[in-house]
Amino acid sequence: LLINHPRDCPICDQAGECRLQEFSVDYGDSKSRFLENKVKKPKNVVLGPRATLDDERCILCSRCIRFCHEIAHDDVLGFVDRGSYTVLTAHPGKRLEN
């Protein structure tokens, strides 16, 4: 989960309340073992009039996709691409309106 995730936690709005931070501290080393360059993902992706996504912070948990499907009954969001290049996006021709 943290291979391509930025490690600059103090600027994150979840700083101090983040389960990823807790898992990293409890189970891992503070340094990354990943030697390759991180995949740069887009920032400020507009999903709708009131929703903007920072793909660098997204851990691809799919909670937002499940919420749209199960609660809002509006299949708007999905993943595209594979592996490290996977990103969350709105389906073509759709916007996150609700």
N, C-alpha and C. Protein backbone atom coordinates (compact mmCIF):
# COMPACT_ATOMS: atom_id res chain seq x y z
N LEU A 1 0.81 -1.21 0.00
CA LEU A 1 0.00 0.00 0.00
C LEU A 1 0.84 1.26 0.00
N LEU A 2 1.99 1.20 0.61
CA LEU A 2 2.78 2.42 0.76
C LEU A 2 3.90 2.58 -0.25
N ILE A 3 3.99 1.68 -1.23
CA ILE A 3 5.08 1.78 -2.20
C ILE A 3 5.07 3.12 -2.92
N ASN A 4 3.91 3.53 -3.42
CA ASN A 4 3.82 4.79 -4.15
C ASN A 4 3.15 5.89 -3.34
N HIS A 5 2.86 5.62 -2.09
CA HIS A 5 2.20 6.62 -1.24
C HIS A 5 3.24 7.60 -0.70
N PRO A 6 2.96 8.90 -0.76
CA PRO A 6 3.93 9.87 -0.22
C PRO A 6 4.12 9.68 1.28
N ARG A 7 5.30 9.93 1.74
CA ARG A 7 5.60 9.74 3.16
C ARG A 7 5.67 11.07 3.90
N ASP A 8 5.13 12.13 3.31
CA ASP A 8 5.14 13.44 3.97
C ASP A 8 3.86 13.62 4.77
N CYS A 9 3.71 12.83 5.80
CA CYS A 9 2.49 12.78 6.59
C CYS A 9 2.08 14.10 7.25
N PRO A 10 2.99 14.96 7.66
CA PRO A 10 2.54 16.18 8.34
C PRO A 10 1.62 17.07 7.49
N ILE A 11 1.69 16.99 6.16
CA ILE A 11 0.81 17.84 5.36
C ILE A 11 -0.52 17.16 5.04
N CYS A 12 -0.65 15.91 5.41
CA CYS A 12 -1.88 15.16 5.14
C CYS A 12 -2.95 15.53 6.17
N ASP A 13 -4.20 15.61 5.73
CA ASP A 13 -5.28 15.95 6.66
C ASP A 13 -5.58 14.82 7.64
N GLN A 14 -5.02 13.64 7.42
CA GLN A 14 -5.20 12.52 8.33
C GLN A 14 -4.04 12.38 9.32
N ALA A 15 -3.08 13.27 9.27
CA ALA A 15 -1.88 13.16 10.10
C ALA A 15 -2.25 12.95 11.57
N GLY A 16 -1.72 11.90 12.13
CA GLY A 16 -1.99 11.57 13.52
C GLY A 16 -3.21 10.70 13.71
N GLU A 17 -4.08 10.61 12.74
CA GLU A 17 -5.31 9.82 12.83
C GLU A 17 -5.38 8.81 11.69
N CYS A 18 -4.25 8.38 11.18
CA CYS A 18 -4.19 7.58 9.97
C CYS A 18 -3.85 6.12 10.29
N ARG A 19 -4.68 5.22 9.82
CA ARG A 19 -4.42 3.80 10.06
C ARG A 19 -3.18 3.33 9.31
N LEU A 20 -2.88 3.95 8.16
CA LEU A 20 -1.65 3.60 7.45
C LEU A 20 -0.42 3.93 8.29
N GLN A 21 -0.45 5.08 8.94
CA GLN A 21 0.65 5.45 9.83
C GLN A 21 0.79 4.43 10.96
N GLU A 22 -0.34 4.05 11.54
CA GLU A 22 -0.31 3.09 12.64
C GLU A 22 0.26 1.75 12.18
N PHE A 23 -0.18 1.26 11.02
CA PHE A 23 0.34 -0.01 10.50
C PHE A 23 1.83 0.10 10.20
N SER A 24 2.24 1.22 9.64
CA SER A 24 3.64 1.42 9.30
C SER A 24 4.52 1.40 10.55
N VAL A 25 4.05 2.04 11.60
CA VAL A 25 4.81 2.08 12.85
C VAL A 25 4.81 0.71 13.53
N ASP A 26 3.65 0.05 13.55
CA ASP A 26 3.54 -1.23 14.25
C ASP A 26 4.26 -2.37 13.55
N TYR A 27 4.22 -2.39 12.21
CA TYR A 27 4.70 -3.55 11.48
C TYR A 27 5.88 -3.31 10.57
N GLY A 28 6.25 -2.07 10.38
CA GLY A 28 7.28 -1.83 9.38
C GLY A 28 8.38 -0.93 9.86
N ASP A 29 9.32 -0.77 8.99
CA ASP A 29 10.45 0.12 9.23
C ASP A 29 10.06 1.52 8.77
N SER A 30 10.69 2.52 9.32
CA SER A 30 10.35 3.88 8.93
C SER A 30 10.92 4.24 7.56
N LYS A 31 11.86 3.45 7.08
CA LYS A 31 12.44 3.69 5.76
C LYS A 31 11.83 2.74 4.74
N SER A 32 11.72 3.22 3.53
CA SER A 32 11.18 2.40 2.46
C SER A 32 12.26 1.48 1.89
N ARG A 33 11.89 0.24 1.59
CA ARG A 33 12.82 -0.69 0.94
C ARG A 33 12.71 -0.60 -0.57
N PHE A 34 11.79 0.18 -1.05
CA PHE A 34 11.51 0.32 -2.47
C PHE A 34 12.57 1.21 -3.10
N LEU A 35 13.37 0.65 -4.01
CA LEU A 35 14.49 1.39 -4.60
C LEU A 35 14.13 2.10 -5.89
N GLU A 36 13.14 1.60 -6.60
CA GLU A 36 12.75 2.19 -7.87
C GLU A 36 12.08 3.55 -7.65
N ASN A 37 11.96 4.30 -8.73
CA ASN A 37 11.27 5.59 -8.64
C ASN A 37 9.79 5.37 -8.41
N LYS A 38 9.21 6.22 -7.60
CA LYS A 38 7.77 6.13 -7.35
C LYS A 38 7.01 6.61 -8.58
N VAL A 39 5.83 6.05 -8.77
CA VAL A 39 4.97 6.46 -9.87
C VAL A 39 4.30 7.76 -9.48
N LYS A 40 4.45 8.78 -10.30
CA LYS A 40 3.81 10.07 -10.04
C LYS A 40 2.39 10.02 -10.58
N LYS A 41 1.44 10.30 -9.72
CA LYS A 41 0.03 10.28 -10.12
C LYS A 41 -0.50 11.70 -10.12
N PRO A 42 -1.60 11.93 -10.84
CA PRO A 42 -2.13 13.29 -10.95
C PRO A 42 -2.67 13.82 -9.62
N LYS A 43 -2.60 15.12 -9.47
CA LYS A 43 -3.17 15.80 -8.30
C LYS A 43 -4.34 16.65 -8.78
N ASN A 44 -5.27 16.90 -7.90
CA ASN A 44 -6.43 17.76 -8.20
C ASN A 44 -7.23 17.29 -9.41
N VAL A 45 -7.60 16.03 -9.42
CA VAL A 45 -8.43 15.47 -10.48
C VAL A 45 -9.89 15.80 -10.14
N VAL A 46 -10.56 16.50 -11.01
CA VAL A 46 -11.95 16.90 -10.77
C VAL A 46 -12.87 15.72 -11.12
N LEU A 47 -13.59 15.23 -10.10
CA LEU A 47 -14.53 14.14 -10.30
C LEU A 47 -15.96 14.65 -10.45
N GLY A 48 -16.19 15.86 -10.01
CA GLY A 48 -17.52 16.47 -10.07
C GLY A 48 -17.44 17.89 -9.55
N PRO A 49 -18.57 18.56 -9.46
CA PRO A 49 -18.56 19.96 -9.03
C PRO A 49 -18.09 20.17 -7.59
N ARG A 50 -18.24 19.17 -6.74
CA ARG A 50 -17.84 19.32 -5.34
C ARG A 50 -16.80 18.29 -4.90
N ALA A 51 -16.22 17.57 -5.84
CA ALA A 51 -15.28 16.52 -5.48
C ALA A 51 -14.00 16.61 -6.32
N THR A 52 -12.88 16.70 -5.61
CA THR A 52 -11.57 16.72 -6.25
C THR A 52 -10.73 15.62 -5.61
N LEU A 53 -9.99 14.90 -6.43
CA LEU A 53 -9.20 13.76 -5.96
C LEU A 53 -7.72 14.06 -6.08
N ASP A 54 -6.97 13.72 -5.03
CA ASP A 54 -5.51 13.75 -5.08
C ASP A 54 -5.07 12.30 -5.20
N ASP A 55 -4.75 11.87 -6.42
CA ASP A 55 -4.42 10.47 -6.67
C ASP A 55 -3.17 10.00 -5.94
N GLU A 56 -2.28 10.92 -5.58
CA GLU A 56 -1.10 10.51 -4.83
C GLU A 56 -1.46 10.03 -3.43
N ARG A 57 -2.56 10.50 -2.89
CA ARG A 57 -2.98 10.12 -1.54
C ARG A 57 -3.93 8.93 -1.53
N CYS A 58 -4.49 8.59 -2.68
CA CYS A 58 -5.45 7.49 -2.76
C CYS A 58 -4.72 6.16 -2.60
N ILE A 59 -5.20 5.29 -1.71
CA ILE A 59 -4.57 3.99 -1.50
C ILE A 59 -5.36 2.87 -2.17
N LEU A 60 -6.32 3.23 -3.01
CA LEU A 60 -7.09 2.28 -3.80
C LEU A 60 -7.84 1.27 -2.94
N CYS A 61 -8.45 1.75 -1.86
CA CYS A 61 -9.19 0.87 -0.96
C CYS A 61 -10.57 0.53 -1.50
N SER A 62 -11.06 1.29 -2.44
CA SER A 62 -12.36 1.12 -3.12
C SER A 62 -13.57 1.44 -2.24
N ARG A 63 -13.36 2.07 -1.09
CA ARG A 63 -14.50 2.45 -0.25
C ARG A 63 -15.43 3.43 -0.96
N CYS A 64 -14.86 4.38 -1.68
CA CYS A 64 -15.69 5.37 -2.38
C CYS A 64 -16.49 4.72 -3.50
N ILE A 65 -15.90 3.74 -4.17
CA ILE A 65 -16.61 3.03 -5.24
C ILE A 65 -17.77 2.24 -4.64
N ARG A 66 -17.51 1.55 -3.54
CA ARG A 66 -18.57 0.78 -2.88
C ARG A 66 -19.66 1.69 -2.35
N PHE A 67 -19.30 2.85 -1.80
CA PHE A 67 -20.30 3.79 -1.30
C PHE A 67 -21.21 4.25 -2.44
N CYS A 68 -20.61 4.64 -3.55
CA CYS A 68 -21.42 5.09 -4.69
C CYS A 68 -22.36 3.99 -5.17
N HIS A 69 -21.88 2.76 -5.18
CA HIS A 69 -22.69 1.64 -5.67
C HIS A 69 -23.77 1.23 -4.66
N GLU A 70 -23.37 1.03 -3.40
CA GLU A 70 -24.28 0.46 -2.41
C GLU A 70 -25.17 1.48 -1.72
N ILE A 71 -24.69 2.67 -1.47
CA ILE A 71 -25.45 3.66 -0.71
C ILE A 71 -26.12 4.67 -1.64
N ALA A 72 -25.34 5.26 -2.54
CA ALA A 72 -25.89 6.28 -3.43
C ALA A 72 -26.58 5.69 -4.65
N HIS A 73 -26.39 4.39 -4.90
CA HIS A 73 -26.97 3.70 -6.06
C HIS A 73 -26.66 4.44 -7.36
N ASP A 74 -25.40 4.85 -7.48
CA ASP A 74 -24.95 5.58 -8.66
C ASP A 74 -23.53 5.13 -8.99
N ASP A 75 -23.41 4.23 -9.95
CA ASP A 75 -22.09 3.72 -10.33
C ASP A 75 -21.35 4.75 -11.17
N VAL A 76 -20.61 5.60 -10.49
CA VAL A 76 -19.90 6.68 -11.16
C VAL A 76 -18.40 6.44 -11.16
N LEU A 77 -17.88 5.88 -10.07
CA LEU A 77 -16.44 5.74 -9.91
C LEU A 77 -15.95 4.34 -10.23
N GLY A 78 -14.70 4.26 -10.65
CA GLY A 78 -14.08 2.97 -10.92
C GLY A 78 -12.58 3.14 -11.07
N PHE A 79 -11.89 2.01 -11.16
CA PHE A 79 -10.44 2.02 -11.35
C PHE A 79 -10.12 1.80 -12.82
N VAL A 80 -9.06 2.44 -13.28
CA VAL A 80 -8.53 2.19 -14.62
C VAL A 80 -7.05 1.89 -14.51
N ASP A 81 -6.51 1.25 -15.50
CA ASP A 81 -5.12 0.82 -15.57
C ASP A 81 -4.86 -0.30 -14.56
N ARG A 82 -3.63 -0.76 -14.51
CA ARG A 82 -3.29 -1.90 -13.64
C ARG A 82 -1.99 -1.67 -12.89
N GLY A 83 -1.83 -2.44 -11.84
CA GLY A 83 -0.59 -2.39 -11.07
C GLY A 83 -0.36 -1.04 -10.43
N SER A 84 0.87 -0.57 -10.47
CA SER A 84 1.23 0.71 -9.87
C SER A 84 0.58 1.89 -10.57
N TYR A 85 0.07 1.66 -11.76
CA TYR A 85 -0.52 2.75 -12.54
C TYR A 85 -2.03 2.86 -12.36
N THR A 86 -2.61 2.05 -11.50
CA THR A 86 -4.05 2.09 -11.26
C THR A 86 -4.45 3.43 -10.65
N VAL A 87 -5.50 4.02 -11.19
CA VAL A 87 -6.02 5.28 -10.65
C VAL A 87 -7.55 5.20 -10.56
N LEU A 88 -8.08 5.98 -9.65
CA LEU A 88 -9.52 6.11 -9.48
C LEU A 88 -10.01 7.20 -10.42
N THR A 89 -11.13 6.97 -11.06
CA THR A 89 -11.68 7.97 -11.97
C THR A 89 -13.18 7.80 -12.09
N ALA A 90 -13.82 8.81 -12.63
CA ALA A 90 -15.25 8.71 -12.94
C ALA A 90 -15.37 8.02 -14.30
N HIS A 91 -16.43 7.25 -14.46
CA HIS A 91 -16.65 6.57 -15.74
C HIS A 91 -16.81 7.62 -16.85
N PRO A 92 -16.43 7.29 -18.08
CA PRO A 92 -16.54 8.25 -19.18
C PRO A 92 -17.96 8.80 -19.32
N GLY A 93 -18.05 10.10 -19.42
CA GLY A 93 -19.34 10.76 -19.59
C GLY A 93 -20.12 10.95 -18.30
N LYS A 94 -19.54 10.55 -17.15
CA LYS A 94 -20.23 10.71 -15.87
C LYS A 94 -19.41 11.60 -14.95
N ARG A 95 -20.11 12.23 -14.02
CA ARG A 95 -19.47 13.05 -12.99
C ARG A 95 -20.07 12.69 -11.64
N LEU A 96 -19.31 12.89 -10.61
CA LEU A 96 -19.78 12.64 -9.26
C LEU A 96 -20.64 13.83 -8.85
N GLU A 97 -21.94 13.69 -8.99
CA GLU A 97 -22.87 14.80 -8.76
C GLU A 97 -23.50 14.80 -7.38
N ASN A 98 -23.57 13.65 -6.73
CA ASN A 98 -24.29 13.59 -5.45
C ASN A 98 -23.40 13.77 -4.26
